[in-house]
């Protein structure tokens, strides 16, 4: 056999050499990567925002975007039926109380006083004193007792206690029906009947341009100025 012999490498040796090269390549790649990861600066890591902060930011974005303003189309409101209750106004309640007071009154009536007057001797000054004691009695239309008076009812009730019968009508009292006669304003004395508003209202003169009267619904018997410059005076009982 002449020359250099042909050296052949076995398959197993070849596989061994390739494996060694592969391992060396992997180590060459991995080791620098590990060093690079370890060398990352701390500020490269940003922790995620907390849930609360994220919700607050999201809510603020919704507000700015007007996400809670929901346009509403035509809305049909359900018809509401009124409950089966009746409303009682203050005036109605007051009238009911006045009617109850009138029904409950059991004292002397105008007829009783005319039959047996507690003041048989007529005196205008005494008329004033009797009239003043009914201050505070409520106005009641058609009333003629301490349970409630209207204007002419008060005058009639006071004069009845002196045995003087007056009509239950301001216009009739103003005409002197029942024995009265007209007197001049300058001759009027406390206790005389004063009539005003064209005969639509009456009271008992107190002197000094004042009178005691039952004014109107919702009010009580009181002393008040005579507001009508055309008021006139009627004298009864003398």
C-alpha atoms as a PDB file:
ATOM      1  CA  UNK A   1       0.000   0.000   0.000  1.00  0.00           C
ATOM      2  CA  UNK A   2       1.696   3.179  -1.098  1.00  0.00           C
ATOM      3  CA  UNK A   3       1.238   6.898   0.010  1.00  0.00           C
ATOM      4  CA  UNK A   4      -0.692   8.406   3.051  1.00  0.00           C
ATOM      5  CA  UNK A   5      -3.371   6.222   4.219  1.00  0.00           C
ATOM      6  CA  UNK A   6      -7.041   7.582   3.854  1.00  0.00           C
ATOM      7  CA  UNK A   7      -8.169   8.619   7.339  1.00  0.00           C
ATOM      8  CA  UNK A   8     -11.958   8.260   7.705  1.00  0.00           C
ATOM      9  CA  UNK A   9     -13.864   9.653  10.689  1.00  0.00           C
ATOM     10  CA  UNK A  10     -16.442   7.443  12.294  1.00  0.00           C
ATOM     11  CA  UNK A  11     -20.121   8.556  12.428  1.00  0.00           C
ATOM     12  CA  UNK A  12     -20.150   8.563  16.189  1.00  0.00           C
ATOM     13  CA  UNK A  13     -17.189  10.886  16.329  1.00  0.00           C
ATOM     14  CA  UNK A  14     -18.876  13.240  13.886  1.00  0.00           C
ATOM     15  CA  UNK A  15     -22.068  13.434  15.952  1.00  0.00           C
ATOM     16  CA  UNK A  16     -20.025  14.137  19.040  1.00  0.00           C
ATOM     17  CA  UNK A  17     -18.261  17.025  17.393  1.00  0.00           C
ATOM     18  CA  UNK A  18     -21.517  18.593  16.133  1.00  0.00           C
ATOM     19  CA  UNK A  19     -23.084  18.348  19.583  1.00  0.00           C
ATOM     20  CA  UNK A  20     -20.143  20.085  21.159  1.00  0.00           C
ATOM     21  CA  UNK A  21     -20.391  22.926  18.688  1.00  0.00           C
ATOM     22  CA  UNK A  22     -24.117  23.309  19.338  1.00  0.00           C
ATOM     23  CA  UNK A  23     -23.614  23.503  23.081  1.00  0.00           C
ATOM     24  CA  UNK A  24     -20.900  26.106  22.690  1.00  0.00           C
ATOM     25  CA  UNK A  25     -23.274  28.201  20.474  1.00  0.00           C
ATOM     26  CA  UNK A  26     -26.118  28.036  22.971  1.00  0.00           C
ATOM     27  CA  UNK A  27     -23.849  29.066  25.814  1.00  0.00           C
ATOM     28  CA  UNK A  28     -22.540  31.956  23.737  1.00  0.00           C
ATOM     29  CA  UNK A  29     -26.093  33.246  23.194  1.00  0.00           C
ATOM     30  CA  UNK A  30     -27.659  32.640  26.610  1.00  0.00           C
ATOM     31  CA  UNK A  31     -24.919  33.872  28.885  1.00  0.00           C
ATOM     32  CA  UNK A  32     -24.769  37.433  27.423  1.00  0.00           C
ATOM     33  CA  UNK A  33     -28.572  37.601  27.539  1.00  0.00           C
ATOM     34  CA  UNK A  34     -28.571  36.719  31.207  1.00  0.00           C
ATOM     35  CA  UNK A  35     -26.033  39.428  31.934  1.00  0.00           C
ATOM     36  CA  UNK A  36     -28.096  41.942  29.935  1.00  0.00           C
ATOM     37  CA  UNK A  37     -31.248  41.130  31.903  1.00  0.00           C
ATOM     38  CA  UNK A  38     -29.497  41.474  35.234  1.00  0.00           C
ATOM     39  CA  UNK A  39     -28.051  44.774  34.113  1.00  0.00           C
ATOM     40  CA  UNK A  40     -31.448  46.390  33.312  1.00  0.00           C
ATOM     41  CA  UNK A  41     -31.856  49.669  35.239  1.00  0.00           C
ATOM     42  CA  UNK A  42     -34.545  49.811  37.932  1.00  0.00           C
ATOM     43  CA  UNK A  43     -36.507  52.574  36.184  1.00  0.00           C
ATOM     44  CA  UNK A  44     -37.206  50.280  33.254  1.00  0.00           C
ATOM     45  CA  UNK A  45     -39.942  48.586  35.362  1.00  0.00           C
ATOM     46  CA  UNK A  46     -43.238  50.486  35.648  1.00  0.00           C
ATOM     47  CA  UNK A  47     -45.814  48.921  37.971  1.00  0.00           C
ATOM     48  CA  UNK A  48     -49.381  48.975  36.657  1.00  0.00           C
ATOM     49  CA  UNK A  49     -51.700  51.618  38.113  1.00  0.00           C
ATOM     50  CA  UNK A  50     -53.885  50.483  40.980  1.00  0.00           C
ATOM     51  CA  UNK A  51     -57.485  49.541  40.235  1.00  0.00           C
ATOM     52  CA  UNK A  52     -58.822  52.572  42.144  1.00  0.00           C
ATOM     53  CA  UNK A  53     -56.743  55.006  40.145  1.00  0.00           C
ATOM     54  CA  UNK A  54     -57.766  53.361  36.918  1.00  0.00           C
ATOM     55  CA  UNK A  55     -61.447  53.534  37.812  1.00  0.00           C
ATOM     56  CA  UNK A  56     -61.138  57.195  38.764  1.00  0.00           C
ATOM     57  CA  UNK A  57     -59.417  58.005  35.492  1.00  0.00           C
ATOM     58  CA  UNK A  58     -62.047  56.119  33.537  1.00  0.00           C
ATOM     59  CA  UNK A  59     -64.851  57.899  35.407  1.00  0.00           C
ATOM     60  CA  UNK A  60     -63.303  61.287  34.708  1.00  0.00           C
ATOM     61  CA  UNK A  61     -63.033  60.438  31.028  1.00  0.00           C
ATOM     62  CA  UNK A  62     -66.701  59.477  30.992  1.00  0.00           C
ATOM     63  CA  UNK A  63     -67.680  62.762  32.594  1.00  0.00           C
ATOM     64  CA  UNK A  64     -65.642  64.785  30.133  1.00  0.00           C
ATOM     65  CA  UNK A  65     -67.133  62.879  27.228  1.00  0.00           C
ATOM     66  CA  UNK A  66     -70.666  63.401  28.545  1.00  0.00           C
ATOM     67  CA  UNK A  67     -71.235  59.679  28.665  1.00  0.00           C
ATOM     68  CA  UNK A  68     -73.937  60.077  31.317  1.00  0.00           C
ATOM     69  CA  UNK A  69     -76.027  62.463  29.256  1.00  0.00           C
ATOM     70  CA  UNK A  70     -78.489  60.117  27.659  1.00  0.00           C
ATOM     71  CA  UNK A  71     -80.907  61.704  25.162  1.00  0.00           C
ATOM     72  CA  UNK A  72     -84.506  60.744  25.877  1.00  0.00           C
ATOM     73  CA  UNK A  73     -87.112  60.665  23.189  1.00  0.00           C
ATOM     74  CA  UNK A  74     -90.797  61.301  23.603  1.00  0.00           C
ATOM     75  CA  UNK A  75     -91.956  60.062  26.965  1.00  0.00           C
ATOM     76  CA  UNK A  76     -95.543  59.149  27.593  1.00  0.00           C
ATOM     77  CA  UNK A  77     -96.402  59.820  31.220  1.00  0.00           C
ATOM     78  CA  UNK A  78     -98.936  57.534  32.728  1.00  0.00           C
ATOM     79  CA  UNK A  79    -102.136  59.320  33.608  1.00  0.00           C
ATOM     80  CA  UNK A  80    -102.592  59.543  37.342  1.00  0.00           C
ATOM     81  CA  UNK A  81    -106.010  59.117  38.807  1.00  0.00           C
ATOM     82  CA  UNK A  82    -106.974  61.247  41.800  1.00  0.00           C
ATOM     83  CA  UNK A  83    -107.441  59.330  44.979  1.00  0.00           C
ATOM     84  CA  UNK A  84    -110.940  59.230  46.327  1.00  0.00           C
ATOM     85  CA  UNK A  85    -110.332  61.869  48.995  1.00  0.00           C
ATOM     86  CA  UNK A  86    -111.983  65.288  49.210  1.00  0.00           C
ATOM     87  CA  UNK A  87    -109.855  68.306  50.093  1.00  0.00           C
ATOM     88  CA  UNK A  88    -111.295  70.564  52.788  1.00  0.00           C
ATOM     89  CA  UNK A  89    -110.094  74.154  52.585  1.00  0.00           C
ATOM     90  CA  UNK A  90    -109.435  76.288  55.635  1.00  0.00           C
ATOM     91  CA  UNK A  91    -112.500  78.404  54.817  1.00  0.00           C
ATOM     92  CA  UNK A  92    -114.719  75.334  54.571  1.00  0.00           C
ATOM     93  CA  UNK A  93    -113.352  74.022  57.846  1.00  0.00           C
ATOM     94  CA  UNK A  94    -113.968  77.380  59.515  1.00  0.00           C
ATOM     95  CA  UNK A  95    -117.552  77.489  58.249  1.00  0.00           C
ATOM     96  CA  UNK A  96    -118.134  73.975  59.549  1.00  0.00           C
ATOM     97  CA  UNK A  97    -116.793  75.002  62.951  1.00  0.00           C
ATOM     98  CA  UNK A  98    -119.006  78.084  62.955  1.00  0.00           C
ATOM     99  CA  UNK A  99    -122.079  76.034  62.065  1.00  0.00           C
ATOM    100  CA  UNK A 100    -121.238  73.662  64.873  1.00  0.00           C
ATOM    101  CA  UNK A 101    -120.835  76.585  67.288  1.00  0.00           C
ATOM    102  CA  UNK A 102    -124.187  78.029  66.213  1.00  0.00           C
ATOM    103  CA  UNK A 103    -125.862  74.680  66.702  1.00  0.00           C
ATOM    104  CA  UNK A 104    -124.205  74.272  70.102  1.00  0.00           C
ATOM    105  CA  UNK A 105    -125.184  77.732  71.395  1.00  0.00           C
ATOM    106  CA  UNK A 106    -127.809  77.374  74.081  1.00  0.00           C
ATOM    107  CA  UNK A 107    -127.872  80.883  75.540  1.00  0.00           C
ATOM    108  CA  UNK A 108    -130.591  83.515  75.198  1.00  0.00           C
ATOM    109  CA  UNK A 109    -131.695  84.409  71.701  1.00  0.00           C
ATOM    110  CA  UNK A 110    -132.881  87.738  70.302  1.00  0.00           C
ATOM    111  CA  UNK A 111    -136.436  86.614  70.956  1.00  0.00           C
ATOM    112  CA  UNK A 112    -135.594  85.726  74.544  1.00  0.00           C
ATOM    113  CA  UNK A 113    -134.048  89.127  75.160  1.00  0.00           C
ATOM    114  CA  UNK A 114    -136.941  90.994  73.598  1.00  0.00           C
ATOM    115  CA  UNK A 115    -139.334  89.091  75.856  1.00  0.00           C
ATOM    116  CA  UNK A 116    -137.246  89.717  78.960  1.00  0.00           C
ATOM    117  CA  UNK A 117    -134.547  92.398  78.386  1.00  0.00           C
ATOM    118  CA  UNK A 118    -131.721  92.436  80.956  1.00  0.00           C
ATOM    119  CA  UNK A 119    -131.395  96.233  80.465  1.00  0.00           C
ATOM    120  CA  UNK A 120    -134.946  97.578  80.465  1.00  0.00           C
ATOM    121  CA  UNK A 121    -133.758 101.177  80.753  1.00  0.00           C
ATOM    122  CA  UNK A 122    -132.255 102.203  77.440  1.00  0.00           C
ATOM    123  CA  UNK A 123    -128.841 103.874  77.723  1.00  0.00           C
ATOM    124  CA  UNK A 124    -126.541 104.541  74.744  1.00  0.00           C
ATOM    125  CA  UNK A 125    -123.418 104.294  76.897  1.00  0.00           C
ATOM    126  CA  UNK A 126    -124.587 100.906  78.136  1.00  0.00           C
ATOM    127  CA  UNK A 127    -125.170  99.856  74.525  1.00  0.00           C
ATOM    128  CA  UNK A 128    -121.465 100.520  73.871  1.00  0.00           C
ATOM    129  CA  UNK A 129    -120.373  98.416  76.845  1.00  0.00           C
ATOM    130  CA  UNK A 130    -122.582  95.487  75.853  1.00  0.00           C
ATOM    131  CA  UNK A 131    -121.377  95.625  72.251  1.00  0.00           C
ATOM    132  CA  UNK A 132    -117.693  95.637  73.235  1.00  0.00           C
ATOM    133  CA  UNK A 133    -117.990  92.397  75.169  1.00  0.00           C
ATOM    134  CA  UNK A 134    -118.511  90.495  71.902  1.00  0.00           C
ATOM    135  CA  UNK A 135    -115.114  91.375  70.461  1.00  0.00           C
ATOM    136  CA  UNK A 136    -113.489  88.231  69.105  1.00  0.00           C
ATOM    137  CA  UNK A 137    -116.720  86.484  68.155  1.00  0.00           C
ATOM    138  CA  UNK A 138    -116.286  85.105  64.607  1.00  0.00           C
ATOM    139  CA  UNK A 139    -118.189  86.458  61.648  1.00  0.00           C
ATOM    140  CA  UNK A 140    -120.903  84.053  60.514  1.00  0.00           C
ATOM    141  CA  UNK A 141    -123.236  84.937  57.687  1.00  0.00           C
ATOM    142  CA  UNK A 142    -126.756  85.083  59.109  1.00  0.00           C
ATOM    143  CA  UNK A 143    -125.404  84.772  62.655  1.00  0.00           C
ATOM    144  CA  UNK A 144    -127.162  86.601  65.487  1.00  0.00           C
ATOM    145  CA  UNK A 145    -125.717  85.087  68.675  1.00  0.00           C
ATOM    146  CA  UNK A 146    -122.369  84.917  70.518  1.00  0.00           C
ATOM    147  CA  UNK A 147    -121.660  81.752  68.537  1.00  0.00           C
ATOM    148  CA  UNK A 148    -121.263  83.974  65.447  1.00  0.00           C
ATOM    149  CA  UNK A 149    -122.480  87.337  64.138  1.00  0.00           C
ATOM    150  CA  UNK A 150    -122.911  89.033  60.828  1.00  0.00           C
ATOM    151  CA  UNK A 151    -122.966  92.844  60.842  1.00  0.00           C
ATOM    152  CA  UNK A 152    -126.689  93.446  61.298  1.00  0.00           C
ATOM    153  CA  UNK A 153    -127.004  90.385  63.552  1.00  0.00           C
ATOM    154  CA  UNK A 154    -124.591  91.941  66.044  1.00  0.00           C
ATOM    155  CA  UNK A 155    -126.497  95.236  66.113  1.00  0.00           C
ATOM    156  CA  UNK A 156    -129.817  93.419  66.451  1.00  0.00           C
ATOM    157  CA  UNK A 157    -128.573  91.158  69.269  1.00  0.00           C
ATOM    158  CA  UNK A 158    -127.147  94.068  71.292  1.00  0.00           C
ATOM    159  CA  UNK A 159    -130.250  96.221  70.946  1.00  0.00           C
ATOM    160  CA  UNK A 160    -132.517  93.289  71.828  1.00  0.00           C
ATOM    161  CA  UNK A 161    -130.978  93.269  75.301  1.00  0.00           C
ATOM    162  CA  UNK A 162    -132.525  96.720  75.763  1.00  0.00           C
ATOM    163  CA  UNK A 163    -135.920  95.594  74.526  1.00  0.00           C
ATOM    164  CA  UNK A 164    -135.457  97.275  71.117  1.00  0.00           C
ATOM    165  CA  UNK A 165    -136.405  95.134  68.114  1.00  0.00           C
ATOM    166  CA  UNK A 166    -134.299  95.794  65.023  1.00  0.00           C
ATOM    167  CA  UNK A 167    -134.540  94.032  61.667  1.00  0.00           C
ATOM    168  CA  UNK A 168    -131.829  91.537  60.710  1.00  0.00           C
ATOM    169  CA  UNK A 169    -130.831  93.649  57.719  1.00  0.00           C
ATOM    170  CA  UNK A 170    -128.274  96.443  57.488  1.00  0.00           C
ATOM    171  CA  UNK A 171    -130.230  98.275  54.792  1.00  0.00           C
ATOM    172  CA  UNK A 172    -133.443  98.106  56.859  1.00  0.00           C
ATOM    173  CA  UNK A 173    -131.570  99.320  59.937  1.00  0.00           C
ATOM    174  CA  UNK A 174    -130.229 102.181  57.823  1.00  0.00           C
ATOM    175  CA  UNK A 175    -133.772 103.186  56.900  1.00  0.00           C
ATOM    176  CA  UNK A 176    -134.839 103.302  60.548  1.00  0.00           C
ATOM    177  CA  UNK A 177    -137.162 100.289  60.292  1.00  0.00           C
ATOM    178  CA  UNK A 178    -138.249  99.420  63.818  1.00  0.00           C
ATOM    179  CA  UNK A 179    -138.581 102.932  65.163  1.00  0.00           C
ATOM    180  CA  UNK A 180    -135.260 104.602  64.330  1.00  0.00           C
ATOM    181  CA  UNK A 181    -134.665 108.020  62.869  1.00  0.00           C
ATOM    182  CA  UNK A 182    -131.802 109.540  60.925  1.00  0.00           C
ATOM    183  CA  UNK A 183    -129.488 111.983  62.700  1.00  0.00           C
ATOM    184  CA  UNK A 184    -126.737 114.251  61.460  1.00  0.00           C
ATOM    185  CA  UNK A 185    -123.173 113.003  61.740  1.00  0.00           C
ATOM    186  CA  UNK A 186    -122.251 115.791  64.133  1.00  0.00           C
ATOM    187  CA  UNK A 187    -125.136 114.792  66.389  1.00  0.00           C
ATOM    188  CA  UNK A 188    -124.217 111.105  66.532  1.00  0.00           C
ATOM    189  CA  UNK A 189    -123.426 109.643  69.960  1.00  0.00           C
ATOM    190  CA  UNK A 190    -121.618 106.424  70.930  1.00  0.00           C
ATOM    191  CA  UNK A 191    -124.224 103.675  70.860  1.00  0.00           C
ATOM    192  CA  UNK A 192    -126.017 104.933  67.747  1.00  0.00           C
ATOM    193  CA  UNK A 193    -126.246 102.707  64.691  1.00  0.00           C
ATOM    194  CA  UNK A 194    -123.858 103.597  61.867  1.00  0.00           C
ATOM    195  CA  UNK A 195    -124.614 102.466  58.316  1.00  0.00           C
ATOM    196  CA  UNK A 196    -122.243 102.604  55.336  1.00  0.00           C
ATOM    197  CA  UNK A 197    -121.500 101.254  51.891  1.00  0.00           C
ATOM    198  CA  UNK A 198    -124.890 102.369  50.638  1.00  0.00           C
ATOM    199  CA  UNK A 199    -126.690 100.407  53.330  1.00  0.00           C
ATOM    200  CA  UNK A 200    -124.659  97.228  52.862  1.00  0.00           C
ATOM    201  CA  UNK A 201    -122.972  97.323  56.259  1.00  0.00           C
ATOM    202  CA  UNK A 202    -123.860  98.404  59.792  1.00  0.00           C
ATOM    203  CA  UNK A 203    -122.211  98.676  63.193  1.00  0.00           C
ATOM    204  CA  UNK A 204    -122.468 100.442  66.528  1.00  0.00           C
ATOM    205  CA  UNK A 205    -120.833 103.846  66.750  1.00  0.00           C
ATOM    206  CA  UNK A 206    -118.023 104.191  69.323  1.00  0.00           C
ATOM    207  CA  UNK A 207    -117.283 107.898  68.825  1.00  0.00           C
ATOM    208  CA  UNK A 208    -114.185 109.432  67.268  1.00  0.00           C
ATOM    209  CA  UNK A 209    -114.939 107.993  63.800  1.00  0.00           C
ATOM    210  CA  UNK A 210    -114.793 104.422  65.124  1.00  0.00           C
ATOM    211  CA  UNK A 211    -117.309 101.636  65.426  1.00  0.00           C
ATOM    212  CA  UNK A 212    -117.597  98.065  66.696  1.00  0.00           C
ATOM    213  CA  UNK A 213    -118.784  95.703  63.990  1.00  0.00           C
ATOM    214  CA  UNK A 214    -118.689  92.180  62.566  1.00  0.00           C
ATOM    215  CA  UNK A 215    -116.611  92.800  59.422  1.00  0.00           C
ATOM    216  CA  UNK A 216    -116.596  89.800  57.075  1.00  0.00           C
ATOM    217  CA  UNK A 217    -115.927  86.051  56.827  1.00  0.00           C
ATOM    218  CA  UNK A 218    -112.621  85.073  58.354  1.00  0.00           C
ATOM    219  CA  UNK A 219    -112.653  88.024  60.775  1.00  0.00           C
ATOM    220  CA  UNK A 220    -114.083  88.585  64.222  1.00  0.00           C
ATOM    221  CA  UNK A 221    -116.033  91.354  65.923  1.00  0.00           C
ATOM    222  CA  UNK A 222    -113.683  94.296  66.358  1.00  0.00           C
ATOM    223  CA  UNK A 223    -113.396  98.054  66.768  1.00  0.00           C
ATOM    224  CA  UNK A 224    -112.486  99.677  63.468  1.00  0.00           C
ATOM    225  CA  UNK A 225    -112.385 103.073  61.793  1.00  0.00           C
ATOM    226  CA  UNK A 226    -115.418 104.185  59.785  1.00  0.00           C
ATOM    227  CA  UNK A 227    -113.989 104.051  56.268  1.00  0.00           C
ATOM    228  CA  UNK A 228    -116.985 105.380  54.336  1.00  0.00           C
ATOM    229  CA  UNK A 229    -117.144 109.213  54.253  1.00  0.00           C
ATOM    230  CA  UNK A 230    -120.801 108.899  53.249  1.00  0.00           C
ATOM    231  CA  UNK A 231    -121.779 106.834  56.275  1.00  0.00           C
ATOM    232  CA  UNK A 232    -124.933 107.919  58.078  1.00  0.00           C
ATOM    233  CA  UNK A 233    -126.347 107.437  61.568  1.00  0.00           C
ATOM    234  CA  UNK A 234    -129.637 106.176  62.944  1.00  0.00           C
ATOM    235  CA  UNK A 235    -130.814 106.522  66.519  1.00  0.00           C
ATOM    236  CA  UNK A 236    -132.997 103.873  68.103  1.00  0.00           C
ATOM    237  CA  UNK A 237    -134.483 103.536  71.516  1.00  0.00           C
ATOM    238  CA  UNK A 238    -134.920 107.182  72.393  1.00  0.00           C
END
